[in-house]
Amino acid sequence: METLQTSISRHEDSRCKAIAELIEAVSKQQEALARILEAEHRKIEKVTELCHTDTEDLLRIDYSVERVLAAVTRLELALQLKLDLFRDCLCPDSPCDCHSPCQK
């Protein structure tokens, strides 16, 4: 019976580790998206600082930023869906109680 218990415990540890790694990966992806948004901000600032910026240039930049923001929004939604898969595993009372939902 001890072998079975050890096997189950190892399985739970592996599962918890995989969940923690997934959450960490999502965090890194969110940081990357934040850097993309910051780069878009800098791009807008640079264009508006130029003395000879015309309406066409501003419209092109606006369209470009709009496309990037739409893509980032879709990616954030996908990341949120990944995190939602493990919402019940994020228990504050224990490092990982993956087999049961939190009781608040």
PDB file of N, CA and C in Angstrom:
ATOM      1  N   MET A   1       0.817  -1.199   0.000  1.00  0.00           N
ATOM      2  CA  MET A   1       0.000   0.000   0.000  1.00  0.00           C
ATOM      3  C   MET A   1       0.861   1.263   0.000  1.00  0.00           C
ATOM      4  N   GLU A   2       2.021   1.193   0.636  1.00  0.00           N
ATOM      5  CA  GLU A   2       2.915   2.344   0.706  1.00  0.00           C
ATOM      6  C   GLU A   2       3.414   2.745  -0.678  1.00  0.00           C
ATOM      7  N   THR A   3       3.667   1.767  -1.553  1.00  0.00           N
ATOM      8  CA  THR A   3       4.118   2.053  -2.910  1.00  0.00           C
ATOM      9  C   THR A   3       3.055   2.839  -3.671  1.00  0.00           C
ATOM     10  N   LEU A   4       1.793   2.461  -3.528  1.00  0.00           N
ATOM     11  CA  LEU A   4       0.694   3.165  -4.186  1.00  0.00           C
ATOM     12  C   LEU A   4       0.601   4.594  -3.669  1.00  0.00           C
ATOM     13  N   GLN A   5       0.703   4.770  -2.358  1.00  0.00           N
ATOM     14  CA  GLN A   5       0.637   6.108  -1.767  1.00  0.00           C
ATOM     15  C   GLN A   5       1.785   6.985  -2.268  1.00  0.00           C
ATOM     16  N   THR A   6       2.982   6.435  -2.344  1.00  0.00           N
ATOM     17  CA  THR A   6       4.144   7.167  -2.838  1.00  0.00           C
ATOM     18  C   THR A   6       3.941   7.554  -4.289  1.00  0.00           C
ATOM     19  N   SER A   7       3.381   6.650  -5.077  1.00  0.00           N
ATOM     20  CA  SER A   7       3.122   6.918  -6.489  1.00  0.00           C
ATOM     21  C   SER A   7       2.104   8.047  -6.653  1.00  0.00           C
ATOM     22  N   ILE A   8       1.050   8.022  -5.847  1.00  0.00           N
ATOM     23  CA  ILE A   8       0.018   9.068  -5.909  1.00  0.00           C
ATOM     24  C   ILE A   8       0.619  10.406  -5.487  1.00  0.00           C
ATOM     25  N   SER A   9       1.409  10.368  -4.421  1.00  0.00           N
ATOM     26  CA  SER A   9       2.043  11.593  -3.939  1.00  0.00           C
ATOM     27  C   SER A   9       2.961  12.178  -5.007  1.00  0.00           C
ATOM     28  N   ARG A  10       3.739  11.338  -5.665  1.00  0.00           N
ATOM     29  CA  ARG A  10       4.642  11.794  -6.719  1.00  0.00           C
ATOM     30  C   ARG A  10       3.839  12.385  -7.888  1.00  0.00           C
ATOM     31  N   HIS A  11       2.710  11.746  -8.210  1.00  0.00           N
ATOM     32  CA  HIS A  11       1.850  12.247  -9.286  1.00  0.00           C
ATOM     33  C   HIS A  11       1.317  13.636  -8.933  1.00  0.00           C
ATOM     34  N   GLU A  12       0.860  13.818  -7.691  1.00  0.00           N
ATOM     35  CA  GLU A  12       0.336  15.117  -7.261  1.00  0.00           C
ATOM     36  C   GLU A  12       1.442  16.175  -7.282  1.00  0.00           C
ATOM     37  N   ASP A  13       2.653  15.798  -6.834  1.00  0.00           N
ATOM     38  CA  ASP A  13       3.774  16.732  -6.855  1.00  0.00           C
ATOM     39  C   ASP A  13       4.088  17.146  -8.290  1.00  0.00           C
ATOM     40  N   SER A  14       4.082  16.184  -9.206  1.00  0.00           N
ATOM     41  CA  SER A  14       4.363  16.484 -10.619  1.00  0.00           C
ATOM     42  C   SER A  14       3.288  17.390 -11.196  1.00  0.00           C
ATOM     43  N   ARG A  15       2.036  17.113 -10.851  1.00  0.00           N
ATOM     44  CA  ARG A  15       0.923  17.921 -11.343  1.00  0.00           C
ATOM     45  C   ARG A  15       1.027  19.349 -10.806  1.00  0.00           C
ATOM     46  N   CYS A  16       1.302  19.461  -9.522  1.00  0.00           N
ATOM     47  CA  CYS A  16       1.428  20.784  -8.914  1.00  0.00           C
ATOM     48  C   CYS A  16       2.594  21.555  -9.525  1.00  0.00           C
ATOM     49  N   LYS A  17       3.689  20.879  -9.770  1.00  0.00           N
ATOM     50  CA  LYS A  17       4.850  21.524 -10.385  1.00  0.00           C
ATOM     51  C   LYS A  17       4.496  21.998 -11.793  1.00  0.00           C
ATOM     52  N   ALA A  18       3.781  21.179 -12.541  1.00  0.00           N
ATOM     53  CA  ALA A  18       3.382  21.558 -13.901  1.00  0.00           C
ATOM     54  C   ALA A  18       2.458  22.776 -13.874  1.00  0.00           C
ATOM     55  N   ILE A  19       1.540  22.804 -12.923  1.00  0.00           N
ATOM     56  CA  ILE A  19       0.628  23.946 -12.802  1.00  0.00           C
ATOM     57  C   ILE A  19       1.412  25.202 -12.446  1.00  0.00           C
ATOM     58  N   ALA A  20       2.333  25.090 -11.508  1.00  0.00           N
ATOM     59  CA  ALA A  20       3.155  26.242 -11.119  1.00  0.00           C
ATOM     60  C   ALA A  20       3.981  26.742 -12.301  1.00  0.00           C
ATOM     61  N   GLU A  21       4.512  25.834 -13.091  1.00  0.00           N
ATOM     62  CA  GLU A  21       5.306  26.227 -14.259  1.00  0.00           C
ATOM     63  C   GLU A  21       4.439  26.906 -15.312  1.00  0.00           C
ATOM     64  N   LEU A  22       3.205  26.418 -15.480  1.00  0.00           N
ATOM     65  CA  LEU A  22       2.292  27.046 -16.430  1.00  0.00           C
ATOM     66  C   LEU A  22       1.957  28.465 -15.988  1.00  0.00           C
ATOM     67  N   ILE A  23       1.688  28.632 -14.710  1.00  0.00           N
ATOM     68  CA  ILE A  23       1.367  29.961 -14.188  1.00  0.00           C
ATOM     69  C   ILE A  23       2.566  30.897 -14.354  1.00  0.00           C
ATOM     70  N   GLU A  24       3.757  30.398 -14.104  1.00  0.00           N
ATOM     71  CA  GLU A  24       4.964  31.200 -14.285  1.00  0.00           C
ATOM     72  C   GLU A  24       5.144  31.580 -15.757  1.00  0.00           C
ATOM     73  N   ALA A  25       4.870  30.651 -16.656  1.00  0.00           N
ATOM     74  CA  ALA A  25       4.981  30.939 -18.091  1.00  0.00           C
ATOM     75  C   ALA A  25       3.987  32.016 -18.507  1.00  0.00           C
ATOM     76  N   VAL A  26       2.768  31.942 -17.987  1.00  0.00           N
ATOM     77  CA  VAL A  26       1.758  32.957 -18.291  1.00  0.00           C
ATOM     78  C   VAL A  26       2.233  34.317 -17.792  1.00  0.00           C
ATOM     79  N   SER A  27       2.821  34.338 -16.601  1.00  0.00           N
ATOM     80  CA  SER A  27       3.339  35.584 -16.049  1.00  0.00           C
ATOM     81  C   SER A  27       4.404  36.192 -16.962  1.00  0.00           C
ATOM     82  N   LYS A  28       5.302  35.368 -17.461  1.00  0.00           N
ATOM     83  CA  LYS A  28       6.348  35.857 -18.364  1.00  0.00           C
ATOM     84  C   LYS A  28       5.746  36.367 -19.674  1.00  0.00           C
ATOM     85  N   GLN A  29       4.708  35.692 -20.166  1.00  0.00           N
ATOM     86  CA  GLN A  29       4.060  36.138 -21.391  1.00  0.00           C
ATOM     87  C   GLN A  29       3.368  37.476 -21.169  1.00  0.00           C
ATOM     88  N   GLN A  30       2.768  37.649 -20.000  1.00  0.00           N
ATOM     89  CA  GLN A  30       2.122  38.924 -19.694  1.00  0.00           C
ATOM     90  C   GLN A  30       3.150  40.046 -19.599  1.00  0.00           C
ATOM     91  N   GLU A  31       4.307  39.758 -19.038  1.00  0.00           N
ATOM     92  CA  GLU A  31       5.380  40.754 -18.987  1.00  0.00           C
ATOM     93  C   GLU A  31       5.826  41.132 -20.406  1.00  0.00           C
ATOM     94  N   ALA A  32       5.920  40.160 -21.282  1.00  0.00           N
ATOM     95  CA  ALA A  32       6.303  40.437 -22.669  1.00  0.00           C
ATOM     96  C   ALA A  32       5.258  41.310 -23.357  1.00  0.00           C
ATOM     97  N   LEU A  33       3.990  41.037 -23.110  1.00  0.00           N
ATOM     98  CA  LEU A  33       2.933  41.861 -23.699  1.00  0.00           C
ATOM     99  C   LEU A  33       3.003  43.286 -23.159  1.00  0.00           C
ATOM    100  N   ALA A  34       3.337  43.429 -21.893  1.00  0.00           N
ATOM    101  CA  ALA A  34       3.490  44.773 -21.317  1.00  0.00           C
ATOM    102  C   ALA A  34       4.625  45.524 -22.010  1.00  0.00           C
ATOM    103  N   ARG A  35       5.708  44.822 -22.320  1.00  0.00           N
ATOM    104  CA  ARG A  35       6.819  45.466 -23.034  1.00  0.00           C
ATOM    105  C   ARG A  35       6.400  45.881 -24.444  1.00  0.00           C
ATOM    106  N   ILE A  36       5.579  45.078 -25.085  1.00  0.00           N
ATOM    107  CA  ILE A  36       5.071  45.436 -26.415  1.00  0.00           C
ATOM    108  C   ILE A  36       4.237  46.709 -26.332  1.00  0.00           C
ATOM    109  N   LEU A  37       3.373  46.791 -25.327  1.00  0.00           N
ATOM    110  CA  LEU A  37       2.543  47.986 -25.161  1.00  0.00           C
ATOM    111  C   LEU A  37       3.405  49.217 -24.869  1.00  0.00           C
ATOM    112  N   GLU A  38       4.445  49.038 -24.076  1.00  0.00           N
ATOM    113  CA  GLU A  38       5.354  50.148 -23.794  1.00  0.00           C
ATOM    114  C   GLU A  38       6.061  50.608 -25.074  1.00  0.00           C
ATOM    115  N   ALA A  39       6.442  49.665 -25.923  1.00  0.00           N
ATOM    116  CA  ALA A  39       7.076  50.014 -27.197  1.00  0.00           C
ATOM    117  C   ALA A  39       6.109  50.791 -28.089  1.00  0.00           C
ATOM    118  N   GLU A  40       4.853  50.418 -28.079  1.00  0.00           N
ATOM    119  CA  GLU A  40       3.850  51.156 -28.862  1.00  0.00           C
ATOM    120  C   GLU A  40       3.718  52.579 -28.329  1.00  0.00           C
ATOM    121  N   HIS A  41       3.752  52.713 -27.024  1.00  0.00           N
ATOM    122  CA  HIS A  41       3.683  54.037 -26.408  1.00  0.00           C
ATOM    123  C   HIS A  41       4.858  54.904 -26.859  1.00  0.00           C
ATOM    124  N   ARG A  42       6.057  54.322 -26.840  1.00  0.00           N
ATOM    125  CA  ARG A  42       7.243  55.066 -27.274  1.00  0.00           C
ATOM    126  C   ARG A  42       7.143  55.444 -28.752  1.00  0.00           C
ATOM    127  N   LYS A  43       6.576  54.544 -29.550  1.00  0.00           N
ATOM    128  CA  LYS A  43       6.417  54.827 -30.984  1.00  0.00           C
ATOM    129  C   LYS A  43       5.509  56.038 -31.185  1.00  0.00           C
ATOM    130  N   ILE A  44       4.410  56.075 -30.469  1.00  0.00           N
ATOM    131  CA  ILE A  44       3.479  57.212 -30.588  1.00  0.00           C
ATOM    132  C   ILE A  44       4.169  58.495 -30.148  1.00  0.00           C
ATOM    133  N   GLU A  45       4.906  58.422 -29.040  1.00  0.00           N
ATOM    134  CA  GLU A  45       5.617  59.616 -28.564  1.00  0.00           C
ATOM    135  C   GLU A  45       6.609  60.135 -29.595  1.00  0.00           C
ATOM    136  N   LYS A  46       7.359  59.226 -30.211  1.00  0.00           N
ATOM    137  CA  LYS A  46       8.351  59.631 -31.213  1.00  0.00           C
ATOM    138  C   LYS A  46       7.686  60.307 -32.403  1.00  0.00           C
ATOM    139  N   VAL A  47       6.605  59.732 -32.870  1.00  0.00           N
ATOM    140  CA  VAL A  47       5.916  60.289 -34.037  1.00  0.00           C
ATOM    141  C   VAL A  47       5.367  61.668 -33.714  1.00  0.00           C
ATOM    142  N   THR A  48       4.797  61.821 -32.537  1.00  0.00           N
ATOM    143  CA  THR A  48       4.216  63.128 -32.194  1.00  0.00           C
ATOM    144  C   THR A  48       5.292  64.177 -31.924  1.00  0.00           C
ATOM    145  N   GLU A  49       6.525  63.760 -31.603  1.00  0.00           N
ATOM    146  CA  GLU A  49       7.627  64.706 -31.389  1.00  0.00           C
ATOM    147  C   GLU A  49       8.185  65.244 -32.705  1.00  0.00           C
ATOM    148  N   LEU A  50       7.980  64.514 -33.794  1.00  0.00           N
ATOM    149  CA  LEU A  50       8.520  64.954 -35.081  1.00  0.00           C
ATOM    150  C   LEU A  50       7.812  66.230 -35.531  1.00  0.00           C
ATOM    151  N   CYS A  51       8.602  67.139 -36.049  1.00  0.00           N
ATOM    152  CA  CYS A  51       8.051  68.440 -36.454  1.00  0.00           C
ATOM    153  C   CYS A  51       7.164  68.350 -37.695  1.00  0.00           C
ATOM    154  N   HIS A  52       7.511  67.436 -38.589  1.00  0.00           N
ATOM    155  CA  HIS A  52       6.814  67.393 -39.875  1.00  0.00           C
ATOM    156  C   HIS A  52       5.849  66.215 -39.971  1.00  0.00           C
ATOM    157  N   THR A  53       5.204  65.883 -38.886  1.00  0.00           N
ATOM    158  CA  THR A  53       4.235  64.792 -38.900  1.00  0.00           C
ATOM    159  C   THR A  53       2.927  65.304 -39.501  1.00  0.00           C
ATOM    160  N   ASP A  54       2.483  64.629 -40.547  1.00  0.00           N
ATOM    161  CA  ASP A  54       1.220  65.042 -41.150  1.00  0.00           C
ATOM    162  C   ASP A  54       0.103  64.075 -40.735  1.00  0.00           C
ATOM    163  N   THR A  55      -1.085  64.393 -41.163  1.00  0.00           N
ATOM    164  CA  THR A  55      -2.257  63.609 -40.793  1.00  0.00           C
ATOM    165  C   THR A  55      -2.144  62.161 -41.260  1.00  0.00           C
ATOM    166  N   GLU A  56      -1.616  61.961 -42.446  1.00  0.00           N
ATOM    167  CA  GLU A  56      -1.463  60.595 -42.984  1.00  0.00           C
ATOM    168  C   GLU A  56      -0.539  59.758 -42.095  1.00  0.00           C
ATOM    169  N   ASP A  57       0.561  60.363 -41.650  1.00  0.00           N
ATOM    170  CA  ASP A  57       1.479  59.650 -40.748  1.00  0.00           C
ATOM    171  C   ASP A  57       0.773  59.267 -39.449  1.00  0.00           C
ATOM    172  N   LEU A  58       0.032  60.199 -38.912  1.00  0.00           N
ATOM    173  CA  LEU A  58      -0.687  59.935 -37.657  1.00  0.00           C
ATOM    174  C   LEU A  58      -1.732  58.829 -37.835  1.00  0.00           C
ATOM    175  N   LEU A  59      -2.405  58.841 -38.970  1.00  0.00           N
ATOM    176  CA  LEU A  59      -3.401  57.805 -39.232  1.00  0.00           C
ATOM    177  C   LEU A  59      -2.745  56.438 -39.390  1.00  0.00           C
ATOM    178  N   ARG A  60      -1.589  56.385 -40.045  1.00  0.00           N
ATOM    179  CA  ARG A  60      -0.871  55.113 -40.191  1.00  0.00           C
ATOM    180  C   ARG A  60      -0.428  54.578 -38.828  1.00  0.00           C
ATOM    181  N   ILE A  61       0.108  55.455 -38.011  1.00  0.00           N
ATOM    182  CA  ILE A  61       0.532  55.041 -36.667  1.00  0.00           C
ATOM    183  C   ILE A  61      -0.678  54.577 -35.858  1.00  0.00           C
ATOM    184  N   ASP A  62      -1.766  55.308 -35.953  1.00  0.00           N
ATOM    185  CA  ASP A  62      -2.982  54.943 -35.230  1.00  0.00           C
ATOM    186  C   ASP A  62      -3.458  53.551 -35.637  1.00  0.00           C
ATOM    187  N   TYR A  63      -3.451  53.292 -36.941  1.00  0.00           N
ATOM    188  CA  TYR A  63      -3.883  51.982 -37.443  1.00  0.00           C
ATOM    189  C   TYR A  63      -2.944  50.881 -36.953  1.00  0.00           C
ATOM    190  N   SER A  64      -1.651  51.157 -36.982  1.00  0.00           N
ATOM    191  CA  SER A  64      -0.666  50.184 -36.526  1.00  0.00           C
ATOM    192  C   SER A  64      -0.857  49.870 -35.043  1.00  0.00           C
ATOM    193  N   VAL A  65      -1.009  50.891 -34.243  1.00  0.00           N
ATOM    194  CA  VAL A  65      -1.204  50.701 -32.799  1.00  0.00           C
ATOM    195  C   VAL A  65      -2.515  49.966 -32.536  1.00  0.00           C
ATOM    196  N   GLU A  66      -3.530  50.308 -33.276  1.00  0.00           N
ATOM    197  CA  GLU A  66      -4.830  49.637 -33.116  1.00  0.00           C
ATOM    198  C   GLU A  66      -4.707  48.138 -33.364  1.00  0.00           C
ATOM    199  N   ARG A  67      -3.960  47.758 -34.408  1.00  0.00           N
ATOM    200  CA  ARG A  67      -3.771  46.331 -34.715  1.00  0.00           C
ATOM    201  C   ARG A  67      -2.994  45.632 -33.601  1.00  0.00           C
ATOM    202  N   VAL A  68      -1.957  46.285 -33.097  1.00  0.00           N
ATOM    203  CA  VAL A  68      -1.161  45.689 -32.011  1.00  0.00           C
ATOM    204  C   VAL A  68      -2.010  45.532 -30.758  1.00  0.00           C
ATOM    205  N   LEU A  69      -2.782  46.554 -30.422  1.00  0.00           N
ATOM    206  CA  LEU A  69      -3.641  46.473 -29.234  1.00  0.00           C
ATOM    207  C   LEU A  69      -4.675  45.360 -29.364  1.00  0.00           C
ATOM    208  N   ALA A  70      -5.227  45.187 -30.546  1.00  0.00           N
ATOM    209  CA  ALA A  70      -6.202  44.107 -30.756  1.00  0.00           C
ATOM    210  C   ALA A  70      -5.537  42.746 -30.563  1.00  0.00           C
ATOM    211  N   ALA A  71      -4.327  42.598 -31.079  1.00  0.00           N
ATOM    212  CA  ALA A  71      -3.601  41.330 -30.921  1.00  0.00           C
ATOM    213  C   ALA A  71      -3.257  41.075 -29.459  1.00  0.00           C
ATOM    214  N   VAL A  72      -2.788  42.107 -28.758  1.00  0.00           N
ATOM    215  CA  VAL A  72      -2.447  41.955 -27.342  1.00  0.00           C
ATOM    216  C   VAL A  72      -3.696  41.595 -26.537  1.00  0.00           C
ATOM    217  N   THR A  73      -4.814  42.202 -26.855  1.00  0.00           N
ATOM    218  CA  THR A  73      -6.068  41.891 -26.162  1.00  0.00           C
ATOM    219  C   THR A  73      -6.443  40.426 -26.349  1.00  0.00           C
ATOM    220  N   ARG A  74      -6.322  39.928 -27.573  1.00  0.00           N
ATOM    221  CA  ARG A  74      -6.634  38.512 -27.826  1.00  0.00           C
ATOM    222  C   ARG A  74      -5.678  37.594 -27.061  1.00  0.00           C
ATOM    223  N   LEU A  75      -4.399  37.949 -27.051  1.00  0.00           N
ATOM    224  CA  LEU A  75      -3.420  37.135 -26.333  1.00  0.00           C
ATOM    225  C   LEU A  75      -3.678  37.155 -24.823  1.00  0.00           C
ATOM    226  N   GLU A  76      -4.046  38.305 -24.284  1.00  0.00           N
ATOM    227  CA  GLU A  76      -4.376  38.393 -22.855  1.00  0.00           C
ATOM    228  C   GLU A  76      -5.579  37.518 -22.521  1.00  0.00           C
ATOM    229  N   LEU A  77      -6.562  37.489 -23.400  1.00  0.00           N
ATOM    230  CA  LEU A  77      -7.725  36.633 -23.181  1.00  0.00           C
ATOM    231  C   LEU A  77      -7.315  35.167 -23.150  1.00  0.00           C
ATOM    232  N   ALA A  78      -6.453  34.778 -24.070  1.00  0.00           N
ATOM    233  CA  ALA A  78      -5.970  33.397 -24.093  1.00  0.00           C
ATOM    234  C   ALA A  78      -5.213  33.070 -22.808  1.00  0.00           C
ATOM    235  N   LEU A  79      -4.396  33.995 -22.338  1.00  0.00           N
ATOM    236  CA  LEU A  79      -3.656  33.767 -21.094  1.00  0.00           C
ATOM    237  C   LEU A  79      -4.604  33.663 -19.906  1.00  0.00           C
ATOM    238  N   GLN A  80      -5.627  34.492 -19.894  1.00  0.00           N
ATOM    239  CA  GLN A  80      -6.611  34.424 -18.806  1.00  0.00           C
ATOM    240  C   GLN A  80      -7.332  33.083 -18.808  1.00  0.00           C
ATOM    241  N   LEU A  81      -7.658  32.573 -19.991  1.00  0.00           N
ATOM    242  CA  LEU A  81      -8.311  31.264 -20.078  1.00  0.00           C
ATOM    243  C   LEU A  81      -7.398  30.160 -19.541  1.00  0.00           C
ATOM    244  N   LYS A  82      -6.098  30.269 -19.798  1.00  0.00           N
ATOM    245  CA  LYS A  82      -5.157  29.294 -19.249  1.00  0.00           C
ATOM    246  C   LYS A  82      -5.173  29.336 -17.727  1.00  0.00           C
ATOM    247  N   LEU A  83      -5.129  30.538 -17.175  1.00  0.00           N
ATOM    248  CA  LEU A  83      -5.133  30.664 -15.718  1.00  0.00           C
ATOM    249  C   LEU A  83      -6.444  30.166 -15.113  1.00  0.00           C
ATOM    250  N   ASP A  84      -7.543  30.407 -15.790  1.00  0.00           N
ATOM    251  CA  ASP A  84      -8.850  29.971 -15.280  1.00  0.00           C
ATOM    252  C   ASP A  84      -8.938  28.456 -15.146  1.00  0.00           C
ATOM    253  N   LEU A  85      -8.164  27.726 -15.938  1.00  0.00           N
ATOM    254  CA  LEU A  85      -8.176  26.267 -15.824  1.00  0.00           C
ATOM    255  C   LEU A  85      -7.754  25.808 -14.425  1.00  0.00           C
ATOM    256  N   PHE A  86      -6.939  26.599 -13.765  1.00  0.00           N
ATOM    257  CA  PHE A  86      -6.378  26.202 -12.479  1.00  0.00           C
ATOM    258  C   PHE A  86      -6.813  27.108 -11.339  1.00  0.00           C
ATOM    259  N   ARG A  87      -7.906  27.811 -11.537  1.00  0.00           N
ATOM    260  CA  ARG A  87      -8.398  28.730 -10.511  1.00  0.00           C
ATOM    261  C   ARG A  87      -8.580  28.026  -9.169  1.00  0.00           C
ATOM    262  N   ASP A  88      -9.091  26.814  -9.171  1.00  0.00           N
ATOM    263  CA  ASP A  88      -9.324  26.084  -7.925  1.00  0.00           C
ATOM    264  C   ASP A  88      -8.045  25.552  -7.295  1.00  0.00           C
ATOM    265  N   CYS A  89      -6.943  25.638  -8.002  1.00  0.00           N
ATOM    266  CA  CYS A  89      -5.668  25.138  -7.474  1.00  0.00           C
ATOM    267  C   CYS A  89      -4.863  26.224  -6.784  1.00  0.00           C
ATOM    268  N   LEU A  90      -5.328  27.433  -6.825  1.00  0.00           N
ATOM    269  CA  LEU A  90      -4.573  28.537  -6.249  1.00  0.00           C
ATOM    270  C   LEU A  90      -5.064  28.820  -4.835  1.00  0.00           C
ATOM    271  N   CYS A  91      -4.816  27.889  -3.962  1.00  0.00           N
ATOM    272  CA  CYS A  91      -5.294  28.016  -2.590  1.00  0.00           C
ATOM    273  C   CYS A  91      -4.273  28.748  -1.731  1.00  0.00           C
ATOM    274  N   PRO A  92      -4.699  29.770  -0.996  1.00  0.00           N
ATOM    275  CA  PRO A  92      -3.756  30.510  -0.168  1.00  0.00           C
ATOM    276  C   PRO A  92      -3.299  29.733   1.066  1.00  0.00           C
ATOM    277  N   ASP A  93      -4.067  28.727   1.505  1.00  0.00           N
ATOM    278  CA  ASP A  93      -3.750  28.020   2.738  1.00  0.00           C
ATOM    279  C   ASP A  93      -2.676  26.958   2.568  1.00  0.00           C
ATOM    280  N   SER A  94      -2.430  26.533   1.340  1.00  0.00           N
ATOM    281  CA  SER A  94      -1.427  25.503   1.120  1.00  0.00           C
ATOM    282  C   SER A  94      -0.675  25.806  -0.167  1.00  0.00           C
ATOM    283  N   PRO A  95       0.555  25.312  -0.262  1.00  0.00           N
ATOM    284  CA  PRO A  95       1.325  25.578  -1.477  1.00  0.00           C
ATOM    285  C   PRO A  95       0.634  25.039  -2.725  1.00  0.00           C
ATOM    286  N   CYS A  96       0.015  23.890  -2.618  1.00  0.00           N
ATOM    287  CA  CYS A  96      -0.709  23.336  -3.760  1.00  0.00           C
ATOM    288  C   CYS A  96      -1.669  22.273  -3.267  1.00  0.00           C
ATOM    289  N   ASP A  97      -2.919  22.567  -3.360  1.00  0.00           N
ATOM    290  CA  ASP A  97      -3.949  21.600  -2.996  1.00  0.00           C
ATOM    291  C   ASP A  97      -4.749  21.341  -4.266  1.00  0.00           C
ATOM    292  N   CYS A  98      -4.091  20.726  -5.236  1.00  0.00           N
ATOM    293  CA  CYS A  98      -4.632  20.631  -6.606  1.00  0.00           C
ATOM    294  C   CYS A  98      -5.831  19.714  -6.730  1.00  0.00           C
ATOM    295  N   HIS A  99      -5.999  18.801  -5.818  1.00  0.00           N
ATOM    296  CA  HIS A  99      -7.076  17.825  -5.986  1.00  0.00           C
ATOM    297  C   HIS A  99      -8.398  18.292  -5.417  1.00  0.00           C
ATOM    298  N   SER A 100      -8.435  19.432  -4.752  1.00  0.00           N
ATOM    299  CA  SER A 100      -9.710  19.910  -4.240  1.00  0.00           C
ATOM    300  C   SER A 100      -9.793  21.426  -4.333  1.00  0.00           C
ATOM    301  N   PRO A 101     -11.003  21.941  -4.586  1.00  0.00           N
ATOM    302  CA  PRO A 101     -11.148  23.380  -4.676  1.00  0.00           C
ATOM    303  C   PRO A 101     -10.972  24.042  -3.314  1.00  0.00           C
ATOM    304  N   CYS A 102     -10.691  25.321  -3.347  1.00  0.00           N
ATOM    305  CA  CYS A 102     -10.524  26.084  -2.107  1.00  0.00           C
ATOM    306  C   CYS A 102     -11.844  26.160  -1.365  1.00  0.00           C
ATOM    307  N   GLN A 103     -11.756  26.127  -0.069  1.00  0.00           N
ATOM    308  CA  GLN A 103     -12.928  26.353   0.782  1.00  0.00           C
ATOM    309  C   GLN A 103     -12.736  27.694   1.467  1.00  0.00           C
ATOM    310  N   LYS A 104     -13.543  28.658   1.142  1.00  0.00           N
ATOM    311  CA  LYS A 104     -13.402  30.000   1.740  1.00  0.00           C
ATOM    312  C   LYS A 104     -14.415  30.223   2.808  1.00  0.00           C
TER     313      LYS A 104
END
